Amino acid sequence: MGRYVARRILQLVPVFFGATLILFAMVYVIPGDPVRALFGERQVPDTTLNELRDRYNLNDPFVVQYAKYMGFMPDDEDGWSGILQGSFGEDFRGREVTEIIVQRFPPTVRLATGAIIVQAVVGILAGVVAAVRRNSYLDSLVLVSTTLLVAVPLFVSATAARLLFGLEL
């Protein structure tokens, strides 16, 4: 059991770095300039744009940006700060990301708890119905509906539910 736990913890390292690298690369390849998008249609002096690009390391190559983001190399202004040091930086308005996470954590926990309770109640009821009515229409309905819910990605079902309940109904 101890070897299994140790192996799973060691697998966490490449998964963490792989996930952060993929997410960082996805944000990096988005077309457009994030600093220009920050100001919308307003005209902004080039000096301001360049200052913001320097502040957020957007003029550096991809590898250097990722290294500073992770905390493998010092940032020009903040020294050694990055995800590995527990510093998530600040948003474009100057608020610390950690503050935003702390502020939004309690409602997220309430929503997640509510969702888990609803899933447990519906799942237990569906399981009892399927067990009591074996090889019936209800059993097949529970089997097909749970298989579809598991097979369809969450972002697809969430978008469909939002369109159905939010716009149509």
N, C-alpha and C. Protein backbone atom coordinates (compact mmCIF):
# COMPACT_ATOMS: atom_id res chain seq x y z
N MET A 1 0.82 -1.19 0.00
CA MET A 1 0.00 0.00 0.00
C MET A 1 0.87 1.26 0.00
N GLY A 2 1.95 1.25 0.78
CA GLY A 2 2.83 2.40 0.85
C GLY A 2 3.52 2.68 -0.48
N ARG A 3 3.89 1.60 -1.19
CA ARG A 3 4.52 1.77 -2.51
C ARG A 3 3.53 2.38 -3.49
N TYR A 4 2.28 1.96 -3.41
CA TYR A 4 1.25 2.50 -4.29
C TYR A 4 1.07 4.00 -4.06
N VAL A 5 0.98 4.40 -2.80
CA VAL A 5 0.81 5.82 -2.46
C VAL A 5 2.03 6.62 -2.92
N ALA A 6 3.22 6.09 -2.68
CA ALA A 6 4.44 6.79 -3.09
C ALA A 6 4.49 6.94 -4.62
N ARG A 7 4.10 5.88 -5.33
CA ARG A 7 4.10 5.94 -6.79
C ARG A 7 3.10 6.98 -7.30
N ARG A 8 1.92 7.03 -6.67
CA ARG A 8 0.91 8.00 -7.08
C ARG A 8 1.37 9.44 -6.80
N ILE A 9 2.05 9.63 -5.69
CA ILE A 9 2.56 10.96 -5.36
C ILE A 9 3.66 11.36 -6.36
N LEU A 10 4.51 10.42 -6.72
CA LEU A 10 5.54 10.72 -7.72
C LEU A 10 4.93 11.00 -9.10
N GLN A 11 3.81 10.39 -9.41
CA GLN A 11 3.14 10.66 -10.68
C GLN A 11 2.54 12.06 -10.70
N LEU A 12 2.33 12.63 -9.54
CA LEU A 12 1.79 13.98 -9.44
C LEU A 12 2.73 15.00 -10.09
N VAL A 13 4.03 14.78 -9.98
CA VAL A 13 5.01 15.76 -10.47
C VAL A 13 4.90 15.95 -11.99
N PRO A 14 5.01 14.88 -12.81
CA PRO A 14 4.90 15.13 -14.26
C PRO A 14 3.50 15.60 -14.67
N VAL A 15 2.47 15.15 -13.98
CA VAL A 15 1.12 15.61 -14.31
C VAL A 15 0.99 17.11 -14.04
N PHE A 16 1.51 17.56 -12.91
CA PHE A 16 1.45 18.99 -12.56
C PHE A 16 2.18 19.83 -13.60
N PHE A 17 3.42 19.44 -13.91
CA PHE A 17 4.19 20.23 -14.87
C PHE A 17 3.62 20.12 -16.28
N GLY A 18 3.13 18.96 -16.64
CA GLY A 18 2.51 18.80 -17.96
C GLY A 18 1.25 19.65 -18.10
N ALA A 19 0.41 19.63 -17.06
CA ALA A 19 -0.83 20.41 -17.11
C ALA A 19 -0.54 21.90 -17.15
N THR A 20 0.39 22.37 -16.31
CA THR A 20 0.69 23.80 -16.32
C THR A 20 1.33 24.23 -17.65
N LEU A 21 2.17 23.37 -18.21
CA LEU A 21 2.79 23.69 -19.49
C LEU A 21 1.76 23.75 -20.60
N ILE A 22 0.84 22.80 -20.63
CA ILE A 22 -0.20 22.80 -21.67
C ILE A 22 -1.10 24.01 -21.53
N LEU A 23 -1.53 24.31 -20.31
CA LEU A 23 -2.39 25.48 -20.11
C LEU A 23 -1.67 26.78 -20.45
N PHE A 24 -0.42 26.88 -20.04
CA PHE A 24 0.35 28.09 -20.35
C PHE A 24 0.53 28.23 -21.86
N ALA A 25 0.80 27.12 -22.54
CA ALA A 25 0.97 27.16 -23.99
C ALA A 25 -0.33 27.53 -24.69
N MET A 26 -1.45 27.04 -24.17
CA MET A 26 -2.74 27.39 -24.78
C MET A 26 -3.02 28.88 -24.66
N VAL A 27 -2.70 29.46 -23.53
CA VAL A 27 -2.89 30.90 -23.36
C VAL A 27 -1.90 31.66 -24.24
N TYR A 28 -0.71 31.12 -24.39
CA TYR A 28 0.33 31.79 -25.17
C TYR A 28 -0.02 31.86 -26.66
N VAL A 29 -0.68 30.84 -27.18
CA VAL A 29 -0.96 30.80 -28.62
C VAL A 29 -2.27 31.50 -29.00
N ILE A 30 -3.00 32.02 -28.02
CA ILE A 30 -4.23 32.75 -28.34
C ILE A 30 -3.84 33.97 -29.17
N PRO A 31 -4.52 34.17 -30.29
CA PRO A 31 -4.15 35.32 -31.13
C PRO A 31 -4.51 36.64 -30.46
N GLY A 32 -3.75 37.65 -30.79
CA GLY A 32 -4.00 38.98 -30.25
C GLY A 32 -3.04 39.32 -29.13
N ASP A 33 -3.08 40.56 -28.75
CA ASP A 33 -2.23 41.09 -27.70
C ASP A 33 -3.07 41.28 -26.44
N PRO A 34 -2.75 40.57 -25.36
CA PRO A 34 -3.58 40.71 -24.15
C PRO A 34 -3.55 42.12 -23.56
N VAL A 35 -2.46 42.84 -23.74
CA VAL A 35 -2.38 44.19 -23.20
C VAL A 35 -3.29 45.12 -24.00
N ARG A 36 -3.31 44.97 -25.32
CA ARG A 36 -4.21 45.78 -26.14
C ARG A 36 -5.67 45.44 -25.84
N ALA A 37 -5.95 44.15 -25.62
CA ALA A 37 -7.32 43.72 -25.31
C ALA A 37 -7.78 44.31 -23.98
N LEU A 38 -6.86 44.55 -23.09
CA LEU A 38 -7.19 45.13 -21.79
C LEU A 38 -7.82 46.51 -21.93
N PHE A 39 -7.38 47.27 -22.93
CA PHE A 39 -7.86 48.63 -23.11
C PHE A 39 -9.00 48.73 -24.12
N GLY A 40 -9.30 47.65 -24.82
CA GLY A 40 -10.41 47.68 -25.77
C GLY A 40 -10.13 48.60 -26.94
N GLU A 41 -11.09 49.45 -27.23
CA GLU A 41 -10.99 50.36 -28.38
C GLU A 41 -10.26 51.66 -28.07
N ARG A 42 -9.98 51.90 -26.79
CA ARG A 42 -9.33 53.16 -26.41
C ARG A 42 -7.91 53.23 -26.93
N GLN A 43 -7.49 54.42 -27.29
CA GLN A 43 -6.12 54.65 -27.72
C GLN A 43 -5.23 54.78 -26.48
N VAL A 44 -4.14 54.05 -26.47
CA VAL A 44 -3.22 54.06 -25.33
C VAL A 44 -1.82 54.33 -25.88
N PRO A 45 -1.05 55.17 -25.19
CA PRO A 45 0.33 55.43 -25.66
C PRO A 45 1.15 54.14 -25.70
N ASP A 46 2.04 54.07 -26.66
CA ASP A 46 2.89 52.88 -26.80
C ASP A 46 3.77 52.67 -25.58
N THR A 47 4.16 53.75 -24.92
CA THR A 47 4.99 53.59 -23.72
C THR A 47 4.24 52.83 -22.63
N THR A 48 2.94 53.10 -22.48
CA THR A 48 2.13 52.38 -21.49
C THR A 48 2.02 50.91 -21.86
N LEU A 49 1.78 50.65 -23.15
CA LEU A 49 1.67 49.26 -23.60
C LEU A 49 2.98 48.50 -23.36
N ASN A 50 4.09 49.13 -23.71
CA ASN A 50 5.39 48.48 -23.51
C ASN A 50 5.71 48.27 -22.04
N GLU A 51 5.31 49.24 -21.20
CA GLU A 51 5.54 49.11 -19.76
C GLU A 51 4.76 47.92 -19.19
N LEU A 52 3.51 47.77 -19.63
CA LEU A 52 2.71 46.63 -19.16
C LEU A 52 3.24 45.31 -19.69
N ARG A 53 3.70 45.30 -20.93
CA ARG A 53 4.29 44.06 -21.48
C ARG A 53 5.55 43.67 -20.70
N ASP A 54 6.35 44.65 -20.34
CA ASP A 54 7.55 44.36 -19.53
C ASP A 54 7.15 43.88 -18.14
N ARG A 55 6.15 44.52 -17.56
CA ARG A 55 5.72 44.16 -16.20
C ARG A 55 5.23 42.71 -16.13
N TYR A 56 4.51 42.29 -17.17
CA TYR A 56 3.96 40.94 -17.19
C TYR A 56 4.80 39.97 -18.02
N ASN A 57 6.02 40.35 -18.34
CA ASN A 57 6.99 39.50 -19.04
C ASN A 57 6.51 39.04 -20.41
N LEU A 58 5.67 39.81 -21.06
CA LEU A 58 5.13 39.40 -22.36
C LEU A 58 6.12 39.61 -23.49
N ASN A 59 7.22 40.32 -23.26
CA ASN A 59 8.24 40.51 -24.30
C ASN A 59 9.26 39.37 -24.29
N ASP A 60 9.25 38.54 -23.25
CA ASP A 60 10.20 37.45 -23.15
C ASP A 60 9.77 36.27 -24.03
N PRO A 61 10.72 35.41 -24.41
CA PRO A 61 10.36 34.20 -25.15
C PRO A 61 9.49 33.27 -24.29
N PHE A 62 8.82 32.34 -24.96
CA PHE A 62 7.89 31.44 -24.28
C PHE A 62 8.53 30.69 -23.12
N VAL A 63 9.73 30.16 -23.34
CA VAL A 63 10.40 29.36 -22.30
C VAL A 63 10.71 30.23 -21.08
N VAL A 64 11.15 31.45 -21.30
CA VAL A 64 11.46 32.35 -20.20
C VAL A 64 10.18 32.75 -19.46
N GLN A 65 9.12 33.01 -20.21
CA GLN A 65 7.84 33.35 -19.57
C GLN A 65 7.37 32.20 -18.68
N TYR A 66 7.45 30.98 -19.19
CA TYR A 66 7.01 29.82 -18.41
C TYR A 66 7.89 29.64 -17.18
N ALA A 67 9.19 29.83 -17.32
CA ALA A 67 10.10 29.67 -16.19
C ALA A 67 9.80 30.71 -15.10
N LYS A 68 9.52 31.93 -15.50
CA LYS A 68 9.17 32.96 -14.51
C LYS A 68 7.80 32.68 -13.90
N TYR A 69 6.87 32.20 -14.70
CA TYR A 69 5.53 31.86 -14.21
C TYR A 69 5.59 30.76 -13.15
N MET A 70 6.44 29.77 -13.41
CA MET A 70 6.56 28.66 -12.46
C MET A 70 7.43 29.03 -11.27
N GLY A 71 8.34 29.99 -11.44
CA GLY A 71 9.23 30.38 -10.35
C GLY A 71 10.60 29.75 -10.45
N PHE A 72 10.97 29.28 -11.65
CA PHE A 72 12.29 28.68 -11.86
C PHE A 72 13.38 29.73 -12.01
N MET A 73 12.98 30.95 -12.36
CA MET A 73 13.96 32.02 -12.50
C MET A 73 13.35 33.30 -11.95
N PRO A 74 14.19 34.21 -11.48
CA PRO A 74 13.65 35.42 -10.84
C PRO A 74 12.98 36.34 -11.85
N ASP A 75 11.92 36.96 -11.39
CA ASP A 75 11.25 37.99 -12.16
C ASP A 75 12.05 39.27 -12.01
N ASP A 76 11.95 40.15 -12.96
CA ASP A 76 12.73 41.39 -12.93
C ASP A 76 12.38 42.25 -11.72
N GLU A 77 11.08 42.34 -11.39
CA GLU A 77 10.65 43.23 -10.32
C GLU A 77 10.51 42.52 -8.98
N ASP A 78 9.87 41.35 -8.99
CA ASP A 78 9.48 40.70 -7.74
C ASP A 78 10.52 39.73 -7.20
N GLY A 79 11.59 39.51 -7.91
CA GLY A 79 12.55 38.49 -7.49
C GLY A 79 11.99 37.10 -7.75
N TRP A 80 12.22 36.18 -6.86
CA TRP A 80 11.77 34.80 -7.03
C TRP A 80 10.31 34.69 -6.61
N SER A 81 9.44 34.70 -7.55
CA SER A 81 8.02 34.49 -7.25
C SER A 81 7.42 33.71 -8.42
N GLY A 82 6.55 32.82 -8.10
CA GLY A 82 5.90 32.00 -9.11
C GLY A 82 4.99 31.00 -8.43
N ILE A 83 4.43 30.15 -9.22
CA ILE A 83 3.48 29.18 -8.68
C ILE A 83 4.15 28.27 -7.66
N LEU A 84 5.37 27.87 -7.90
CA LEU A 84 6.05 26.97 -6.95
C LEU A 84 6.34 27.64 -5.61
N GLN A 85 6.38 28.96 -5.59
CA GLN A 85 6.57 29.68 -4.33
C GLN A 85 5.22 30.07 -3.70
N GLY A 86 4.11 29.68 -4.35
CA GLY A 86 2.79 30.00 -3.82
C GLY A 86 2.29 31.37 -4.22
N SER A 87 2.97 32.03 -5.13
CA SER A 87 2.55 33.35 -5.59
C SER A 87 1.90 33.21 -6.95
N PHE A 88 0.62 33.53 -7.02
CA PHE A 88 -0.09 33.44 -8.28
C PHE A 88 -0.11 34.76 -9.04
N GLY A 89 0.55 35.76 -8.48
CA GLY A 89 0.65 37.05 -9.15
C GLY A 89 -0.56 37.91 -8.92
N GLU A 90 -0.78 38.82 -9.85
CA GLU A 90 -1.91 39.73 -9.74
C GLU A 90 -2.59 39.83 -11.09
N ASP A 91 -3.85 40.24 -11.06
CA ASP A 91 -4.56 40.42 -12.31
C ASP A 91 -4.22 41.79 -12.90
N PHE A 92 -4.83 42.12 -14.02
CA PHE A 92 -4.51 43.37 -14.68
C PHE A 92 -5.01 44.59 -13.91
N ARG A 93 -5.88 44.38 -12.94
CA ARG A 93 -6.36 45.50 -12.13
C ARG A 93 -5.52 45.70 -10.88
N GLY A 94 -4.54 44.83 -10.67
CA GLY A 94 -3.63 44.97 -9.54
C GLY A 94 -4.03 44.17 -8.31
N ARG A 95 -5.11 43.41 -8.37
CA ARG A 95 -5.53 42.58 -7.23
C ARG A 95 -4.74 41.29 -7.22
N GLU A 96 -4.35 40.85 -6.04
CA GLU A 96 -3.64 39.58 -5.91
C GLU A 96 -4.60 38.44 -6.25
N VAL A 97 -4.12 37.49 -7.04
CA VAL A 97 -4.95 36.35 -7.42
C VAL A 97 -5.31 35.52 -6.19
N THR A 98 -4.41 35.45 -5.22
CA THR A 98 -4.70 34.71 -3.99
C THR A 98 -5.90 35.31 -3.27
N GLU A 99 -6.02 36.64 -3.25
CA GLU A 99 -7.18 37.30 -2.64
C GLU A 99 -8.46 36.90 -3.36
N ILE A 100 -8.41 36.86 -4.68
CA ILE A 100 -9.59 36.50 -5.47
C ILE A 100 -9.99 35.06 -5.17
N ILE A 101 -9.02 34.17 -5.07
CA ILE A 101 -9.32 32.76 -4.77
C ILE A 101 -9.95 32.65 -3.38
N VAL A 102 -9.38 33.34 -2.39
CA VAL A 102 -9.93 33.29 -1.03
C VAL A 102 -11.35 33.85 -1.00
N GLN A 103 -11.60 34.90 -1.76
CA GLN A 103 -12.92 35.51 -1.78
C GLN A 103 -13.95 34.57 -2.43
N ARG A 104 -13.55 33.87 -3.47
CA ARG A 104 -14.50 33.04 -4.22
C ARG A 104 -14.57 31.60 -3.71
N PHE A 105 -13.74 31.23 -2.76
CA PHE A 105 -13.70 29.85 -2.28
C PHE A 105 -14.98 29.43 -1.54
N PRO A 106 -15.51 30.21 -0.58
CA PRO A 106 -16.72 29.78 0.14
C PRO A 106 -17.93 29.53 -0.77
N PRO A 107 -18.26 30.42 -1.73
CA PRO A 107 -19.39 30.09 -2.61
C PRO A 107 -19.13 28.85 -3.46
N THR A 108 -17.88 28.65 -3.86
CA THR A 108 -17.55 27.46 -4.65
C THR A 108 -17.77 26.19 -3.84
N VAL A 109 -17.37 26.22 -2.57
CA VAL A 109 -17.58 25.05 -1.71
C VAL A 109 -19.07 24.80 -1.51
N ARG A 110 -19.86 25.85 -1.32
CA ARG A 110 -21.31 25.67 -1.17
C ARG A 110 -21.92 25.07 -2.42
N LEU A 111 -21.54 25.56 -3.59
CA LEU A 111 -22.07 25.01 -4.84
C LEU A 111 -21.66 23.55 -5.02
N ALA A 112 -20.40 23.25 -4.75
CA ALA A 112 -19.91 21.88 -4.90
C ALA A 112 -20.61 20.93 -3.93
N THR A 113 -20.81 21.38 -2.69
CA THR A 113 -21.51 20.55 -1.70
C THR A 113 -22.94 20.28 -2.14
N GLY A 114 -23.62 21.31 -2.61
CA GLY A 114 -24.98 21.12 -3.11
C GLY A 114 -25.04 20.15 -4.27
N ALA A 115 -24.08 20.28 -5.19
CA ALA A 115 -24.05 19.39 -6.35
C ALA A 115 -23.79 17.95 -5.93
N ILE A 116 -22.90 17.74 -4.97
CA ILE A 116 -22.60 16.39 -4.50
C ILE A 116 -23.82 15.77 -3.82
N ILE A 117 -24.54 16.56 -3.03
CA ILE A 117 -25.74 16.05 -2.36
C ILE A 117 -26.80 15.66 -3.39
N VAL A 118 -27.03 16.52 -4.38
CA VAL A 118 -28.02 16.20 -5.42
C VAL A 118 -27.61 14.96 -6.18
N GLN A 119 -26.33 14.85 -6.55
CA GLN A 119 -25.85 13.67 -7.28
C GLN A 119 -26.02 12.41 -6.46
N ALA A 120 -25.72 12.49 -5.17
CA ALA A 120 -25.85 11.30 -4.31
C ALA A 120 -27.30 10.86 -4.20
N VAL A 121 -28.20 11.81 -3.97
CA VAL A 121 -29.62 11.46 -3.83
C VAL A 121 -30.16 10.87 -5.14
N VAL A 122 -29.91 11.54 -6.25
CA VAL A 122 -30.39 11.05 -7.54
C VAL A 122 -29.75 9.70 -7.88
N GLY A 123 -28.46 9.55 -7.62
CA GLY A 123 -27.78 8.30 -7.92
C GLY A 123 -28.30 7.13 -7.09
N ILE A 124 -28.52 7.38 -5.81
CA ILE A 124 -29.04 6.30 -4.95
C ILE A 124 -30.46 5.94 -5.37
N LEU A 125 -31.30 6.94 -5.63
CA LEU A 125 -32.67 6.65 -6.06
C LEU A 125 -32.70 5.89 -7.39
N ALA A 126 -31.86 6.31 -8.34
CA ALA A 126 -31.81 5.63 -9.63
C ALA A 126 -31.31 4.19 -9.45
N GLY A 127 -30.32 3.99 -8.58
CA GLY A 127 -29.82 2.64 -8.32
C GLY A 127 -30.85 1.75 -7.68
N VAL A 128 -31.61 2.29 -6.74
CA VAL A 128 -32.66 1.50 -6.09
C VAL A 128 -33.75 1.14 -7.10
N VAL A 129 -34.16 2.12 -7.93
CA VAL A 129 -35.19 1.84 -8.94
C VAL A 129 -34.70 0.78 -9.91
N ALA A 130 -33.46 0.88 -10.35
CA ALA A 130 -32.91 -0.10 -11.29
C ALA A 130 -32.80 -1.48 -10.65
N ALA A 131 -32.48 -1.53 -9.36
CA ALA A 131 -32.35 -2.82 -8.68
C ALA A 131 -33.71 -3.47 -8.43
N VAL A 132 -34.70 -2.66 -8.07
CA VAL A 132 -36.03 -3.21 -7.78
C VAL A 132 -36.72 -3.66 -9.07
N ARG A 133 -36.55 -2.93 -10.13
CA ARG A 133 -37.20 -3.24 -11.41
C ARG A 133 -36.20 -3.79 -12.43
N ARG A 134 -35.50 -4.84 -12.06
CA ARG A 134 -34.47 -5.42 -12.95
C ARG A 134 -35.08 -5.86 -14.27
N ASN A 135 -34.32 -5.61 -15.36
CA ASN A 135 -34.69 -5.99 -16.72
C ASN A 135 -36.01 -5.38 -17.16
N SER A 136 -36.35 -4.22 -16.64
CA SER A 136 -37.56 -3.53 -17.06
C SER A 136 -37.20 -2.28 -17.84
N TYR A 137 -38.23 -1.57 -18.25
CA TYR A 137 -38.02 -0.32 -18.97
C TYR A 137 -37.27 0.69 -18.10
N LEU A 138 -37.62 0.78 -16.81
CA LEU A 138 -36.94 1.72 -15.91
C LEU A 138 -35.47 1.38 -15.73
N ASP A 139 -35.16 0.10 -15.64
CA ASP A 139 -33.77 -0.33 -15.52
C ASP A 139 -32.97 0.09 -16.75
N SER A 140 -33.56 -0.12 -17.92
CA SER A 140 -32.89 0.28 -19.17
C SER A 140 -32.75 1.79 -19.26
N LEU A 141 -33.78 2.52 -18.81
CA LEU A 141 -33.72 3.97 -18.83
C LEU A 141 -32.60 4.50 -17.93
N VAL A 142 -32.49 3.93 -16.73
CA VAL A 142 -31.41 4.34 -15.81
C VAL A 142 -30.06 4.01 -16.42
N LEU A 143 -29.91 2.83 -17.01
CA LEU A 143 -28.64 2.42 -17.62
C LEU A 143 -28.25 3.36 -18.76
N VAL A 144 -29.19 3.64 -19.65
CA VAL A 144 -28.89 4.50 -20.81
C VAL A 144 -28.59 5.93 -20.36
N SER A 145 -29.40 6.47 -19.44
CA SER A 145 -29.20 7.86 -19.02
C SER A 145 -27.88 8.03 -18.27
N THR A 146 -27.53 7.11 -17.40
CA THR A 146 -26.25 7.24 -16.68
C THR A 146 -25.07 7.05 -17.62
N THR A 147 -25.20 6.15 -18.58
CA THR A 147 -24.12 5.96 -19.56
C THR A 147 -23.92 7.23 -20.38
N LEU A 148 -25.01 7.85 -20.80
CA LEU A 148 -24.90 9.11 -21.56
C LEU A 148 -24.30 10.22 -20.72
N LEU A 149 -24.73 10.32 -19.47
CA LEU A 149 -24.19 11.38 -18.61
C LEU A 149 -22.69 11.21 -18.36
N VAL A 150 -22.24 9.97 -18.28
CA VAL A 150 -20.81 9.73 -18.05
C VAL A 150 -20.02 9.92 -19.34
N ALA A 151 -20.62 9.55 -20.48
CA ALA A 151 -19.89 9.57 -21.76
C ALA A 151 -19.76 10.97 -22.35
N VAL A 152 -20.77 11.82 -22.14
CA VAL A 152 -20.74 13.16 -22.73
C VAL A 152 -19.88 14.06 -21.86
N PRO A 153 -18.95 14.80 -22.46
CA PRO A 153 -18.12 15.72 -21.67
C PRO A 153 -18.96 16.76 -20.96
N LEU A 154 -18.48 17.18 -19.80
CA LEU A 154 -19.24 18.11 -18.96
C LEU A 154 -19.50 19.43 -19.65
N PHE A 155 -18.53 19.94 -20.41
CA PHE A 155 -18.75 21.24 -21.05
C PHE A 155 -19.85 21.17 -22.11
N VAL A 156 -20.04 20.00 -22.72
CA VAL A 156 -21.11 19.84 -23.71
C VAL A 156 -22.46 19.79 -23.00
N SER A 157 -22.56 18.95 -21.98
CA SER A 157 -23.84 18.84 -21.28
C SER A 157 -24.19 20.13 -20.54
N ALA A 158 -23.18 20.83 -20.00
CA ALA A 158 -23.45 22.09 -19.31
C ALA A 158 -23.94 23.16 -20.28
N THR A 159 -23.33 23.22 -21.46
CA THR A 159 -23.78 24.18 -22.47
C THR A 159 -25.19 23.86 -22.93
N ALA A 160 -25.46 22.58 -23.16
CA ALA A 160 -26.81 22.18 -23.58
C ALA A 160 -27.83 22.49 -22.50
N ALA A 161 -27.50 22.23 -21.24
CA ALA A 161 -28.42 22.52 -20.14
C ALA A 161 -28.65 24.02 -20.00
N ARG A 162 -27.60 24.80 -20.17
CA ARG A 162 -27.75 26.25 -20.09
C ARG A 162 -28.67 26.77 -21.21
N LEU A 163 -28.47 26.25 -22.41
CA LEU A 163 -29.32 26.68 -23.52
C LEU A 163 -30.76 26.24 -23.30
N LEU A 164 -30.95 25.01 -22.84
CA LEU A 164 -32.30 24.50 -22.65
C LEU A 164 -33.02 25.23 -21.52
N PHE A 165 -32.42 25.26 -20.33
CA PHE A 165 -33.09 25.83 -19.17
C PHE A 165 -33.00 27.35 -19.11
N GLY A 166 -31.92 27.91 -19.61
CA GLY A 166 -31.74 29.35 -19.52
C GLY A 166 -32.40 30.13 -20.63
N LEU A 167 -32.39 29.57 -21.83
CA LEU A 167 -32.94 30.32 -22.95
C LEU A 167 -34.31 29.81 -23.42
N GLU A 168 -34.44 28.51 -23.50
CA GLU A 168 -35.66 27.94 -24.06
C GLU A 168 -36.80 27.88 -23.04
N LEU A 169 -36.49 27.45 -21.81
CA LEU A 169 -37.55 27.30 -20.83
C LEU A 169 -37.66 28.53 -19.95
